[in-house]
Amino acid sequence: MNSKKLNSHKIVQDDRGVLTAIDGLETFQTKRFYLIECFKDMWRGEHYHKKCSQLICVLSGRINVKLNESGKKSEFVMEEGDTYLQLPNCKFAFSSAEDVSRIIVLCDMHHDPEEYVFGEPA
């Protein structure tokens, strides 16, 4: 699969909170982002993009992920601090593995309704 889980690491974790660094983004240029609060067993996403790449980072909690990239399906869990690079034509669906999880999604394109494709990726 071309989409991939990226390395991230927590630099500081103390009573003030957690600071997480995300490396390997030299070529990713953010045009917009979403802050998402998701709930347990409520699936979101379930679509893919024709051209847009998205960087997904779990800010708190854990999320269950289902991928379908050109018919190659996989499932895994992302935890706080985990980052995933979703490339075009990769269907990404997620739900919280806990009561509430929070993620940020960075996009390399401005919003375009023609960009969203529901159903199976080509």
PDB file of N, CA and C in Angstrom:
ATOM      1  N   MET A   1       0.828  -1.182   0.000  1.00  0.00           N
ATOM      2  CA  MET A   1       0.000   0.000   0.000  1.00  0.00           C
ATOM      3  C   MET A   1       0.868   1.240   0.000  1.00  0.00           C
ATOM      4  N   ASN A   2       0.439   2.257  -0.707  1.00  0.00           N
ATOM      5  CA  ASN A   2       1.196   3.488  -0.779  1.00  0.00           C
ATOM      6  C   ASN A   2       0.975   4.390   0.421  1.00  0.00           C
ATOM      7  N   SER A   3      -0.266   4.438   0.958  1.00  0.00           N
ATOM      8  CA  SER A   3      -0.520   5.195   2.169  1.00  0.00           C
ATOM      9  C   SER A   3       0.250   4.516   3.285  1.00  0.00           C
ATOM     10  N   LYS A   4       0.645   5.283   4.315  1.00  0.00           N
ATOM     11  CA  LYS A   4       1.482   4.653   5.332  1.00  0.00           C
ATOM     12  C   LYS A   4       1.375   5.350   6.672  1.00  0.00           C
ATOM     13  N   LYS A   5       1.637   4.558   7.697  1.00  0.00           N
ATOM     14  CA  LYS A   5       1.728   5.080   9.044  1.00  0.00           C
ATOM     15  C   LYS A   5       3.102   5.738   9.160  1.00  0.00           C
ATOM     16  N   LEU A   6       3.122   6.959   9.672  1.00  0.00           N
ATOM     17  CA  LEU A   6       4.375   7.693   9.796  1.00  0.00           C
ATOM     18  C   LEU A   6       4.929   7.561  11.207  1.00  0.00           C
ATOM     19  N   ASN A   7       6.215   7.793  11.327  1.00  0.00           N
ATOM     20  CA  ASN A   7       6.823   7.803  12.647  1.00  0.00           C
ATOM     21  C   ASN A   7       6.483   9.103  13.346  1.00  0.00           C
ATOM     22  N   SER A   8       6.088   9.006  14.580  1.00  0.00           N
ATOM     23  CA  SER A   8       5.927  10.186  15.412  1.00  0.00           C
ATOM     24  C   SER A   8       6.407   9.793  16.797  1.00  0.00           C
ATOM     25  N   HIS A   9       6.778  10.768  17.559  1.00  0.00           N
ATOM     26  CA  HIS A   9       7.247  10.450  18.894  1.00  0.00           C
ATOM     27  C   HIS A   9       6.888  11.584  19.845  1.00  0.00           C
ATOM     28  N   LYS A  10       6.608  11.220  21.074  1.00  0.00           N
ATOM     29  CA  LYS A  10       6.296  12.205  22.092  1.00  0.00           C
ATOM     30  C   LYS A  10       7.613  12.778  22.614  1.00  0.00           C
ATOM     31  N   ILE A  11       7.720  14.074  22.595  1.00  0.00           N
ATOM     32  CA  ILE A  11       8.942  14.713  23.072  1.00  0.00           C
ATOM     33  C   ILE A  11       8.828  15.024  24.563  1.00  0.00           C
ATOM     34  N   VAL A  12       7.689  15.572  24.975  1.00  0.00           N
ATOM     35  CA  VAL A  12       7.498  15.943  26.373  1.00  0.00           C
ATOM     36  C   VAL A  12       6.138  15.446  26.848  1.00  0.00           C
ATOM     37  N   GLN A  13       6.126  14.716  27.945  1.00  0.00           N
ATOM     38  CA  GLN A  13       4.872  14.317  28.573  1.00  0.00           C
ATOM     39  C   GLN A  13       5.032  14.548  30.059  1.00  0.00           C
ATOM     40  N   ASP A  14       4.286  15.534  30.568  1.00  0.00           N
ATOM     41  CA  ASP A  14       4.329  15.847  31.986  1.00  0.00           C
ATOM     42  C   ASP A  14       2.971  16.359  32.431  1.00  0.00           C
ATOM     43  N   ASP A  15       2.883  16.960  33.586  1.00  0.00           N
ATOM     44  CA  ASP A  15       1.586  17.394  34.106  1.00  0.00           C
ATOM     45  C   ASP A  15       0.973  18.531  33.294  1.00  0.00           C
ATOM     46  N   ARG A  16       1.729  19.129  32.385  1.00  0.00           N
ATOM     47  CA  ARG A  16       1.200  20.182  31.512  1.00  0.00           C
ATOM     48  C   ARG A  16       0.524  19.612  30.279  1.00  0.00           C
ATOM     49  N   GLY A  17       0.845  18.364  29.932  1.00  0.00           N
ATOM     50  CA  GLY A  17       0.282  17.744  28.737  1.00  0.00           C
ATOM     51  C   GLY A  17       1.333  16.991  27.955  1.00  0.00           C
ATOM     52  N   VAL A  18       1.090  16.837  26.655  1.00  0.00           N
ATOM     53  CA  VAL A  18       1.968  16.067  25.775  1.00  0.00           C
ATOM     54  C   VAL A  18       2.304  16.899  24.548  1.00  0.00           C
ATOM     55  N   LEU A  19       3.570  16.940  24.195  1.00  0.00           N
ATOM     56  CA  LEU A  19       4.042  17.584  22.972  1.00  0.00           C
ATOM     57  C   LEU A  19       4.501  16.477  22.038  1.00  0.00           C
ATOM     58  N   THR A  20       3.918  16.378  20.846  1.00  0.00           N
ATOM     59  CA  THR A  20       4.244  15.319  19.894  1.00  0.00           C
ATOM     60  C   THR A  20       4.843  15.925  18.636  1.00  0.00           C
ATOM     61  N   ALA A  21       5.964  15.380  18.194  1.00  0.00           N
ATOM     62  CA  ALA A  21       6.592  15.816  16.951  1.00  0.00           C
ATOM     63  C   ALA A  21       6.231  14.840  15.847  1.00  0.00           C
ATOM     64  N   ILE A  22       5.947  15.383  14.663  1.00  0.00           N
ATOM     65  CA  ILE A  22       5.654  14.554  13.489  1.00  0.00           C
ATOM     66  C   ILE A  22       6.724  14.867  12.452  1.00  0.00           C
ATOM     67  N   ASP A  23       7.495  13.867  12.086  1.00  0.00           N
ATOM     68  CA  ASP A  23       8.589  14.051  11.146  1.00  0.00           C
ATOM     69  C   ASP A  23       8.231  13.526   9.763  1.00  0.00           C
ATOM     70  N   GLY A  24       9.025  13.907   8.765  1.00  0.00           N
ATOM     71  CA  GLY A  24       8.872  13.371   7.415  1.00  0.00           C
ATOM     72  C   GLY A  24       7.836  14.083   6.576  1.00  0.00           C
ATOM     73  N   LEU A  25       7.582  15.361   6.831  1.00  0.00           N
ATOM     74  CA  LEU A  25       6.541  16.095   6.112  1.00  0.00           C
ATOM     75  C   LEU A  25       7.104  17.139   5.152  1.00  0.00           C
ATOM     76  N   GLU A  26       8.310  16.951   4.714  1.00  0.00           N
ATOM     77  CA  GLU A  26       8.973  17.960   3.887  1.00  0.00           C
ATOM     78  C   GLU A  26       8.165  18.329   2.649  1.00  0.00           C
ATOM     79  N   THR A  27       7.449  17.385   2.065  1.00  0.00           N
ATOM     80  CA  THR A  27       6.729  17.658   0.822  1.00  0.00           C
ATOM     81  C   THR A  27       5.231  17.862   1.035  1.00  0.00           C
ATOM     82  N   PHE A  28       4.758  17.824   2.283  1.00  0.00           N
ATOM     83  CA  PHE A  28       3.323  17.981   2.552  1.00  0.00           C
ATOM     84  C   PHE A  28       3.030  19.441   2.848  1.00  0.00           C
ATOM     85  N   GLN A  29       2.180  20.054   2.015  1.00  0.00           N
ATOM     86  CA  GLN A  29       1.818  21.459   2.194  1.00  0.00           C
ATOM     87  C   GLN A  29       0.340  21.547   2.579  1.00  0.00           C
ATOM     88  N   THR A  30       0.067  21.979   3.798  1.00  0.00           N
ATOM     89  CA  THR A  30      -1.298  22.023   4.314  1.00  0.00           C
ATOM     90  C   THR A  30      -2.076  23.197   3.731  1.00  0.00           C
ATOM     91  N   LYS A  31      -3.261  22.904   3.184  1.00  0.00           N
ATOM     92  CA  LYS A  31      -4.157  23.925   2.636  1.00  0.00           C
ATOM     93  C   LYS A  31      -5.377  24.132   3.536  1.00  0.00           C
ATOM     94  N   ARG A  32      -5.757  23.117   4.297  1.00  0.00           N
ATOM     95  CA  ARG A  32      -6.881  23.201   5.238  1.00  0.00           C
ATOM     96  C   ARG A  32      -6.730  22.074   6.238  1.00  0.00           C
ATOM     97  N   PHE A  33      -7.485  22.164   7.332  1.00  0.00           N
ATOM     98  CA  PHE A  33      -7.466  21.074   8.302  1.00  0.00           C
ATOM     99  C   PHE A  33      -8.806  20.957   8.997  1.00  0.00           C
ATOM    100  N   TYR A  34      -9.038  19.765   9.555  1.00  0.00           N
ATOM    101  CA  TYR A  34     -10.247  19.466  10.321  1.00  0.00           C
ATOM    102  C   TYR A  34      -9.833  19.025  11.713  1.00  0.00           C
ATOM    103  N   LEU A  35     -10.533  19.499  12.723  1.00  0.00           N
ATOM    104  CA  LEU A  35     -10.439  18.958  14.072  1.00  0.00           C
ATOM    105  C   LEU A  35     -11.703  18.138  14.283  1.00  0.00           C
ATOM    106  N   ILE A  36     -11.544  16.859  14.594  1.00  0.00           N
ATOM    107  CA  ILE A  36     -12.684  15.961  14.680  1.00  0.00           C
ATOM    108  C   ILE A  36     -12.722  15.304  16.060  1.00  0.00           C
ATOM    109  N   GLU A  37     -13.882  15.346  16.671  1.00  0.00           N
ATOM    110  CA  GLU A  37     -14.145  14.599  17.890  1.00  0.00           C
ATOM    111  C   GLU A  37     -15.053  13.450  17.481  1.00  0.00           C
ATOM    112  N   CYS A  38     -14.595  12.235  17.683  1.00  0.00           N
ATOM    113  CA  CYS A  38     -15.389  11.082  17.247  1.00  0.00           C
ATOM    114  C   CYS A  38     -15.752  10.218  18.446  1.00  0.00           C
ATOM    115  N   PHE A  39     -16.851   9.478  18.288  1.00  0.00           N
ATOM    116  CA  PHE A  39     -17.404   8.703  19.390  1.00  0.00           C
ATOM    117  C   PHE A  39     -17.289   7.209  19.118  1.00  0.00           C
ATOM    118  N   LYS A  40     -17.329   6.452  20.190  1.00  0.00           N
ATOM    119  CA  LYS A  40     -17.159   5.002  20.123  1.00  0.00           C
ATOM    120  C   LYS A  40     -18.183   4.364  19.184  1.00  0.00           C
ATOM    121  N   ASP A  41     -17.673   3.515  18.287  1.00  0.00           N
ATOM    122  CA  ASP A  41     -18.478   2.706  17.359  1.00  0.00           C
ATOM    123  C   ASP A  41     -19.296   3.521  16.356  1.00  0.00           C
ATOM    124  N   MET A  42     -19.029   4.810  16.224  1.00  0.00           N
ATOM    125  CA  MET A  42     -19.702   5.645  15.225  1.00  0.00           C
ATOM    126  C   MET A  42     -18.697   5.889  14.099  1.00  0.00           C
ATOM    127  N   TRP A  43     -18.894   5.267  12.947  1.00  0.00           N
ATOM    128  CA  TRP A  43     -17.928   5.322  11.853  1.00  0.00           C
ATOM    129  C   TRP A  43     -18.036   6.630  11.090  1.00  0.00           C
ATOM    130  N   ARG A  44     -16.893   7.208  10.759  1.00  0.00           N
ATOM    131  CA  ARG A  44     -16.798   8.438   9.977  1.00  0.00           C
ATOM    132  C   ARG A  44     -15.872   8.169   8.792  1.00  0.00           C
ATOM    133  N   GLY A  45     -15.826   9.122   7.886  1.00  0.00           N
ATOM    134  CA  GLY A  45     -14.966   8.985   6.707  1.00  0.00           C
ATOM    135  C   GLY A  45     -15.704   8.198   5.648  1.00  0.00           C
ATOM    136  N   GLU A  46     -15.296   6.964   5.474  1.00  0.00           N
ATOM    137  CA  GLU A  46     -15.913   6.034   4.522  1.00  0.00           C
ATOM    138  C   GLU A  46     -15.997   6.622   3.115  1.00  0.00           C
ATOM    139  N   HIS A  47     -14.941   7.309   2.725  1.00  0.00           N
ATOM    140  CA  HIS A  47     -14.837   7.853   1.365  1.00  0.00           C
ATOM    141  C   HIS A  47     -13.351   7.952   1.023  1.00  0.00           C
ATOM    142  N   TYR A  48     -13.072   8.304  -0.215  1.00  0.00           N
ATOM    143  CA  TYR A  48     -11.695   8.574  -0.606  1.00  0.00           C
ATOM    144  C   TYR A  48     -11.674   9.808  -1.484  1.00  0.00           C
ATOM    145  N   HIS A  49     -10.483  10.272  -1.785  1.00  0.00           N
ATOM    146  CA  HIS A  49     -10.302  11.474  -2.588  1.00  0.00           C
ATOM    147  C   HIS A  49      -9.571  11.132  -3.874  1.00  0.00           C
ATOM    148  N   LYS A  50      -9.904  11.853  -4.922  1.00  0.00           N
ATOM    149  CA  LYS A  50      -9.274  11.624  -6.230  1.00  0.00           C
ATOM    150  C   LYS A  50      -7.838  12.125  -6.260  1.00  0.00           C
ATOM    151  N   LYS A  51      -7.586  13.308  -5.680  1.00  0.00           N
ATOM    152  CA  LYS A  51      -6.254  13.926  -5.750  1.00  0.00           C
ATOM    153  C   LYS A  51      -5.686  14.323  -4.400  1.00  0.00           C
ATOM    154  N   CYS A  52      -6.541  14.549  -3.423  1.00  0.00           N
ATOM    155  CA  CYS A  52      -6.132  15.076  -2.118  1.00  0.00           C
ATOM    156  C   CYS A  52      -5.443  14.008  -1.267  1.00  0.00           C
ATOM    157  N   SER A  53      -4.348  14.393  -0.638  1.00  0.00           N
ATOM    158  CA  SER A  53      -3.719  13.569   0.395  1.00  0.00           C
ATOM    159  C   SER A  53      -4.075  14.172   1.742  1.00  0.00           C
ATOM    160  N   GLN A  54      -4.165  13.311   2.758  1.00  0.00           N
ATOM    161  CA  GLN A  54      -4.509  13.777   4.089  1.00  0.00           C
ATOM    162  C   GLN A  54      -3.567  13.161   5.106  1.00  0.00           C
ATOM    163  N   LEU A  55      -3.187  13.973   6.062  1.00  0.00           N
ATOM    164  CA  LEU A  55      -2.354  13.525   7.168  1.00  0.00           C
ATOM    165  C   LEU A  55      -3.251  13.462   8.397  1.00  0.00           C
ATOM    166  N   ILE A  56      -3.402  12.280   8.965  1.00  0.00           N
ATOM    167  CA  ILE A  56      -4.318  12.059  10.076  1.00  0.00           C
ATOM    168  C   ILE A  56      -3.492  11.800  11.328  1.00  0.00           C
ATOM    169  N   CYS A  57      -3.766  12.569  12.389  1.00  0.00           N
ATOM    170  CA  CYS A  57      -3.017  12.419  13.639  1.00  0.00           C
ATOM    171  C   CYS A  57      -4.006  12.313  14.795  1.00  0.00           C
ATOM    172  N   VAL A  58      -3.810  11.307  15.637  1.00  0.00           N
ATOM    173  CA  VAL A  58      -4.666  11.119  16.812  1.00  0.00           C
ATOM    174  C   VAL A  58      -4.143  12.024  17.925  1.00  0.00           C
ATOM    175  N   LEU A  59      -4.986  12.965  18.340  1.00  0.00           N
ATOM    176  CA  LEU A  59      -4.620  13.903  19.394  1.00  0.00           C
ATOM    177  C   LEU A  59      -4.884  13.326  20.780  1.00  0.00           C
ATOM    178  N   SER A  60      -5.990  12.578  20.920  1.00  0.00           N
ATOM    179  CA  SER A  60      -6.294  11.925  22.193  1.00  0.00           C
ATOM    180  C   SER A  60      -7.158  10.700  21.921  1.00  0.00           C
ATOM    181  N   GLY A  61      -7.004   9.698  22.756  1.00  0.00           N
ATOM    182  CA  GLY A  61      -7.769   8.471  22.606  1.00  0.00           C
ATOM    183  C   GLY A  61      -7.125   7.506  21.623  1.00  0.00           C
ATOM    184  N   ARG A  62      -7.958   6.619  21.086  1.00  0.00           N
ATOM    185  CA  ARG A  62      -7.533   5.623  20.099  1.00  0.00           C
ATOM    186  C   ARG A  62      -8.648   5.489  19.081  1.00  0.00           C
ATOM    187  N   ILE A  63      -8.277   5.263  17.799  1.00  0.00           N
ATOM    188  CA  ILE A  63      -9.293   5.064  16.770  1.00  0.00           C
ATOM    189  C   ILE A  63      -9.066   3.741  16.046  1.00  0.00           C
ATOM    190  N   ASN A  64     -10.177   3.097  15.690  1.00  0.00           N
ATOM    191  CA  ASN A  64     -10.160   1.922  14.823  1.00  0.00           C
ATOM    192  C   ASN A  64     -10.173   2.430  13.389  1.00  0.00           C
ATOM    193  N   VAL A  65      -9.329   1.864  12.547  1.00  0.00           N
ATOM    194  CA  VAL A  65      -9.200   2.312  11.158  1.00  0.00           C
ATOM    195  C   VAL A  65      -9.455   1.142  10.216  1.00  0.00           C
ATOM    196  N   LYS A  66     -10.227   1.427   9.156  1.00  0.00           N
ATOM    197  CA  LYS A  66     -10.423   0.477   8.056  1.00  0.00           C
ATOM    198  C   LYS A  66      -9.960   1.166   6.781  1.00  0.00           C
ATOM    199  N   LEU A  67      -9.082   0.497   6.025  1.00  0.00           N
ATOM    200  CA  LEU A  67      -8.564   1.030   4.767  1.00  0.00           C
ATOM    201  C   LEU A  67      -8.958   0.126   3.615  1.00  0.00           C
ATOM    202  N   ASN A  68      -9.139   0.737   2.454  1.00  0.00           N
ATOM    203  CA  ASN A  68      -9.299  -0.009   1.208  1.00  0.00           C
ATOM    204  C   ASN A  68      -8.570   0.788   0.141  1.00  0.00           C
ATOM    205  N   GLU A  69      -7.414   0.275  -0.252  1.00  0.00           N
ATOM    206  CA  GLU A  69      -6.609   0.929  -1.275  1.00  0.00           C
ATOM    207  C   GLU A  69      -6.528   0.006  -2.476  1.00  0.00           C
ATOM    208  N   SER A  70      -7.311   0.336  -3.510  1.00  0.00           N
ATOM    209  CA  SER A  70      -7.360  -0.465  -4.733  1.00  0.00           C
ATOM    210  C   SER A  70      -7.677  -1.927  -4.441  1.00  0.00           C
ATOM    211  N   GLY A  71      -8.652  -2.156  -3.550  1.00  0.00           N
ATOM    212  CA  GLY A  71      -9.077  -3.511  -3.229  1.00  0.00           C
ATOM    213  C   GLY A  71      -8.265  -4.193  -2.152  1.00  0.00           C
ATOM    214  N   LYS A  72      -7.150  -3.605  -1.719  1.00  0.00           N
ATOM    215  CA  LYS A  72      -6.344  -4.167  -0.635  1.00  0.00           C
ATOM    216  C   LYS A  72      -6.859  -3.584   0.680  1.00  0.00           C
ATOM    217  N   LYS A  73      -7.501  -4.439   1.474  1.00  0.00           N
ATOM    218  CA  LYS A  73      -8.129  -3.990   2.712  1.00  0.00           C
ATOM    219  C   LYS A  73      -7.251  -4.299   3.910  1.00  0.00           C
ATOM    220  N   SER A  74      -7.293  -3.398   4.889  1.00  0.00           N
ATOM    221  CA  SER A  74      -6.570  -3.629   6.134  1.00  0.00           C
ATOM    222  C   SER A  74      -7.292  -2.898   7.264  1.00  0.00           C
ATOM    223  N   GLU A  75      -7.034  -3.346   8.471  1.00  0.00           N
ATOM    224  CA  GLU A  75      -7.596  -2.735   9.669  1.00  0.00           C
ATOM    225  C   GLU A  75      -6.501  -2.638  10.719  1.00  0.00           C
ATOM    226  N   PHE A  76      -6.520  -1.554  11.494  1.00  0.00           N
ATOM    227  CA  PHE A  76      -5.566  -1.384  12.580  1.00  0.00           C
ATOM    228  C   PHE A  76      -6.086  -0.333  13.541  1.00  0.00           C
ATOM    229  N   VAL A  77      -5.391  -0.171  14.645  1.00  0.00           N
ATOM    230  CA  VAL A  77      -5.740   0.815  15.662  1.00  0.00           C
ATOM    231  C   VAL A  77      -4.647   1.878  15.695  1.00  0.00           C
ATOM    232  N   MET A  78      -5.076   3.131  15.734  1.00  0.00           N
ATOM    233  CA  MET A  78      -4.144   4.247  15.915  1.00  0.00           C
ATOM    234  C   MET A  78      -4.321   4.784  17.327  1.00  0.00           C
ATOM    235  N   GLU A  79      -3.203   5.067  17.994  1.00  0.00           N
ATOM    236  CA  GLU A  79      -3.237   5.570  19.363  1.00  0.00           C
ATOM    237  C   GLU A  79      -2.769   7.017  19.397  1.00  0.00           C
ATOM    238  N   GLU A  80      -2.939   7.645  20.540  1.00  0.00           N
ATOM    239  CA  GLU A  80      -2.528   9.034  20.715  1.00  0.00           C
ATOM    240  C   GLU A  80      -1.092   9.231  20.224  1.00  0.00           C
ATOM    241  N   GLY A  81      -0.902  10.211  19.331  1.00  0.00           N
ATOM    242  CA  GLY A  81       0.417  10.500  18.776  1.00  0.00           C
ATOM    243  C   GLY A  81       0.697   9.798  17.460  1.00  0.00           C
ATOM    244  N   ASP A  82      -0.092   8.776  17.104  1.00  0.00           N
ATOM    245  CA  ASP A  82       0.104   8.086  15.826  1.00  0.00           C
ATOM    246  C   ASP A  82      -0.348   8.982  14.680  1.00  0.00           C
ATOM    247  N   THR A  83       0.367   8.890  13.573  1.00  0.00           N
ATOM    248  CA  THR A  83       0.091   9.701  12.391  1.00  0.00           C
ATOM    249  C   THR A  83       0.054   8.798  11.173  1.00  0.00           C
ATOM    250  N   TYR A  84      -0.897   9.077  10.277  1.00  0.00           N
ATOM    251  CA  TYR A  84      -1.079   8.256   9.083  1.00  0.00           C
ATOM    252  C   TYR A  84      -1.210   9.158   7.868  1.00  0.00           C
ATOM    253  N   LEU A  85      -0.499   8.856   6.804  1.00  0.00           N
ATOM    254  CA  LEU A  85      -0.587   9.600   5.557  1.00  0.00           C
ATOM    255  C   LEU A  85      -1.500   8.846   4.606  1.00  0.00           C
ATOM    256  N   GLN A  86      -2.679   9.409   4.341  1.00  0.00           N
ATOM    257  CA  GLN A  86      -3.652   8.818   3.422  1.00  0.00           C
ATOM    258  C   GLN A  86      -3.475   9.476   2.060  1.00  0.00           C
ATOM    259  N   LEU A  87      -3.112   8.686   1.081  1.00  0.00           N
ATOM    260  CA  LEU A  87      -2.905   9.181  -0.279  1.00  0.00           C
ATOM    261  C   LEU A  87      -4.206   9.061  -1.080  1.00  0.00           C
ATOM    262  N   PRO A  88      -4.291   9.713  -2.242  1.00  0.00           N
ATOM    263  CA  PRO A  88      -5.493   9.612  -3.075  1.00  0.00           C
ATOM    264  C   PRO A  88      -5.852   8.160  -3.383  1.00  0.00           C
ATOM    265  N   ASN A  89      -7.141   7.938  -3.614  1.00  0.00           N
ATOM    266  CA  ASN A  89      -7.684   6.626  -3.973  1.00  0.00           C
ATOM    267  C   ASN A  89      -7.553   5.580  -2.874  1.00  0.00           C
ATOM    268  N   CYS A  90      -7.411   6.027  -1.626  1.00  0.00           N
ATOM    269  CA  CYS A  90      -7.376   5.126  -0.478  1.00  0.00           C
ATOM    270  C   CYS A  90      -8.564   5.470   0.415  1.00  0.00           C
ATOM    271  N   LYS A  91      -9.525   4.549   0.488  1.00  0.00           N
ATOM    272  CA  LYS A  91     -10.708   4.767   1.316  1.00  0.00           C
ATOM    273  C   LYS A  91     -10.319   4.598   2.780  1.00  0.00           C
ATOM    274  N   PHE A  92     -10.674   5.582   3.598  1.00  0.00           N
ATOM    275  CA  PHE A  92     -10.302   5.624   5.008  1.00  0.00           C
ATOM    276  C   PHE A  92     -11.567   5.796   5.829  1.00  0.00           C
ATOM    277  N   ALA A  93     -11.810   4.891   6.759  1.00  0.00           N
ATOM    278  CA  ALA A  93     -12.949   4.992   7.670  1.00  0.00           C
ATOM    279  C   ALA A  93     -12.414   4.799   9.084  1.00  0.00           C
ATOM    280  N   PHE A  94     -13.032   5.488  10.052  1.00  0.00           N
ATOM    281  CA  PHE A  94     -12.548   5.378  11.426  1.00  0.00           C
ATOM    282  C   PHE A  94     -13.684   5.570  12.422  1.00  0.00           C
ATOM    283  N   SER A  95     -13.483   4.990  13.604  1.00  0.00           N
ATOM    284  CA  SER A  95     -14.376   5.201  14.739  1.00  0.00           C
ATOM    285  C   SER A  95     -13.515   5.194  15.993  1.00  0.00           C
ATOM    286  N   SER A  96     -14.022   5.797  17.038  1.00  0.00           N
ATOM    287  CA  SER A  96     -13.269   5.827  18.285  1.00  0.00           C
ATOM    288  C   SER A  96     -13.288   4.452  18.936  1.00  0.00           C
ATOM    289  N   ALA A  97     -12.159   4.045  19.473  1.00  0.00           N
ATOM    290  CA  ALA A  97     -12.070   2.805  20.240  1.00  0.00           C
ATOM    291  C   ALA A  97     -12.385   3.075  21.709  1.00  0.00           C
ATOM    292  N   GLU A  98     -12.567   4.345  22.051  1.00  0.00           N
ATOM    293  CA  GLU A  98     -12.902   4.758  23.413  1.00  0.00           C
ATOM    294  C   GLU A  98     -14.179   5.590  23.352  1.00  0.00           C
ATOM    295  N   ASP A  99     -14.646   6.063  24.484  1.00  0.00           N
ATOM    296  CA  ASP A  99     -15.870   6.879  24.470  1.00  0.00           C
ATOM    297  C   ASP A  99     -15.738   8.067  23.529  1.00  0.00           C
ATOM    298  N   VAL A 100     -14.608   8.769  23.614  1.00  0.00           N
ATOM    299  CA  VAL A 100     -14.345   9.928  22.758  1.00  0.00           C
ATOM    300  C   VAL A 100     -12.876   9.932  22.375  1.00  0.00           C
ATOM    301  N   SER A 101     -12.589  10.196  21.106  1.00  0.00           N
ATOM    302  CA  SER A 101     -11.218  10.402  20.633  1.00  0.00           C
ATOM    303  C   SER A 101     -11.204  11.673  19.798  1.00  0.00           C
ATOM    304  N   ARG A 102     -10.044  12.316  19.738  1.00  0.00           N
ATOM    305  CA  ARG A 102      -9.914  13.545  18.961  1.00  0.00           C
ATOM    306  C   ARG A 102      -8.767  13.382  17.974  1.00  0.00           C
ATOM    307  N   ILE A 103      -9.026  13.803  16.731  1.00  0.00           N
ATOM    308  CA  ILE A 103      -7.997  13.739  15.698  1.00  0.00           C
ATOM    309  C   ILE A 103      -7.926  15.067  14.967  1.00  0.00           C
ATOM    310  N   ILE A 104      -6.816  15.276  14.300  1.00  0.00           N
ATOM    311  CA  ILE A 104      -6.675  16.393  13.375  1.00  0.00           C
ATOM    312  C   ILE A 104      -6.346  15.791  12.013  1.00  0.00           C
ATOM    313  N   VAL A 105      -6.969  16.335  10.968  1.00  0.00           N
ATOM    314  CA  VAL A 105      -6.731  15.888   9.602  1.00  0.00           C
ATOM    315  C   VAL A 105      -6.229  17.087   8.805  1.00  0.00           C
ATOM    316  N   LEU A 106      -5.002  17.006   8.307  1.00  0.00           N
ATOM    317  CA  LEU A 106      -4.420  18.050   7.466  1.00  0.00           C
ATOM    318  C   LEU A 106      -4.586  17.639   6.011  1.00  0.00           C
ATOM    319  N   CYS A 107      -5.029  18.573   5.172  1.00  0.00           N
ATOM    320  CA  CYS A 107      -5.291  18.285   3.757  1.00  0.00           C
ATOM    321  C   CYS A 107      -4.369  19.124   2.883  1.00  0.00           C
ATOM    322  N   ASP A 108      -3.909  18.563   1.772  1.00  0.00           N
ATOM    323  CA  ASP A 108      -3.013  19.304   0.878  1.00  0.00           C
ATOM    324  C   ASP A 108      -3.760  19.993  -0.261  1.00  0.00           C
ATOM    325  N   MET A 109      -5.109  20.033  -0.179  1.00  0.00           N
ATOM    326  CA  MET A 109      -5.926  20.744  -1.169  1.00  0.00           C
ATOM    327  C   MET A 109      -7.030  21.506  -0.445  1.00  0.00           C
ATOM    328  N   HIS A 110      -7.503  22.562  -1.060  1.00  0.00           N
ATOM    329  CA  HIS A 110      -8.677  23.259  -0.554  1.00  0.00           C
ATOM    330  C   HIS A 110      -9.903  22.388  -0.795  1.00  0.00           C
ATOM    331  N   HIS A 111     -10.977  22.670  -0.077  1.00  0.00           N
ATOM    332  CA  HIS A 111     -12.193  21.866  -0.205  1.00  0.00           C
ATOM    333  C   HIS A 111     -12.736  21.920  -1.635  1.00  0.00           C
ATOM    334  N   ASP A 112     -13.077  20.741  -2.170  1.00  0.00           N
ATOM    335  CA  ASP A 112     -13.674  20.615  -3.494  1.00  0.00           C
ATOM    336  C   ASP A 112     -14.653  19.444  -3.427  1.00  0.00           C
ATOM    337  N   PRO A 113     -15.964  19.714  -3.494  1.00  0.00           N
ATOM    338  CA  PRO A 113     -16.945  18.634  -3.377  1.00  0.00           C
ATOM    339  C   PRO A 113     -16.788  17.547  -4.445  1.00  0.00           C
ATOM    340  N   GLU A 114     -16.207  17.889  -5.583  1.00  0.00           N
ATOM    341  CA  GLU A 114     -15.988  16.911  -6.653  1.00  0.00           C
ATOM    342  C   GLU A 114     -14.872  15.925  -6.310  1.00  0.00           C
ATOM    343  N   GLU A 115     -14.117  16.217  -5.292  1.00  0.00           N
ATOM    344  CA  GLU A 115     -12.964  15.437  -4.867  1.00  0.00           C
ATOM    345  C   GLU A 115     -13.372  14.201  -4.055  1.00  0.00           C
ATOM    346  N   TYR A 116     -14.545  14.232  -3.432  1.00  0.00           N
ATOM    347  CA  TYR A 116     -15.009  13.156  -2.559  1.00  0.00           C
ATOM    348  C   TYR A 116     -15.670  12.059  -3.373  1.00  0.00           C
ATOM    349  N   VAL A 117     -15.263  10.789  -3.104  1.00  0.00           N
ATOM    350  CA  VAL A 117     -15.853   9.647  -3.776  1.00  0.00           C
ATOM    351  C   VAL A 117     -16.277   8.651  -2.704  1.00  0.00           C
ATOM    352  N   PHE A 118     -17.581   8.336  -2.686  1.00  0.00           N
ATOM    353  CA  PHE A 118     -18.093   7.352  -1.754  1.00  0.00           C
ATOM    354  C   PHE A 118     -18.211   6.025  -2.481  1.00  0.00           C
ATOM    355  N   GLY A 119     -17.988   4.940  -1.793  1.00  0.00           N
ATOM    356  CA  GLY A 119     -17.981   3.624  -2.420  1.00  0.00           C
ATOM    357  C   GLY A 119     -16.567   3.078  -2.476  1.00  0.00           C
ATOM    358  N   GLU A 120     -16.376   2.076  -3.279  1.00  0.00           N
ATOM    359  CA  GLU A 120     -15.077   1.413  -3.365  1.00  0.00           C
ATOM    360  C   GLU A 120     -14.102   2.210  -4.234  1.00  0.00           C
ATOM    361  N   PRO A 121     -12.825   2.304  -3.824  1.00  0.00           N
ATOM    362  CA  PRO A 121     -11.844   3.019  -4.626  1.00  0.00           C
ATOM    363  C   PRO A 121     -11.554   2.304  -5.945  1.00  0.00           C
ATOM    364  N   ALA A 122     -11.152   3.083  -6.916  1.00  0.00           N
ATOM    365  CA  ALA A 122     -10.850   2.561  -8.258  1.00  0.00           C
ATOM    366  C   ALA A 122      -9.586   1.723  -8.249  1.00  0.00           C
TER     367      ALA A 122
END
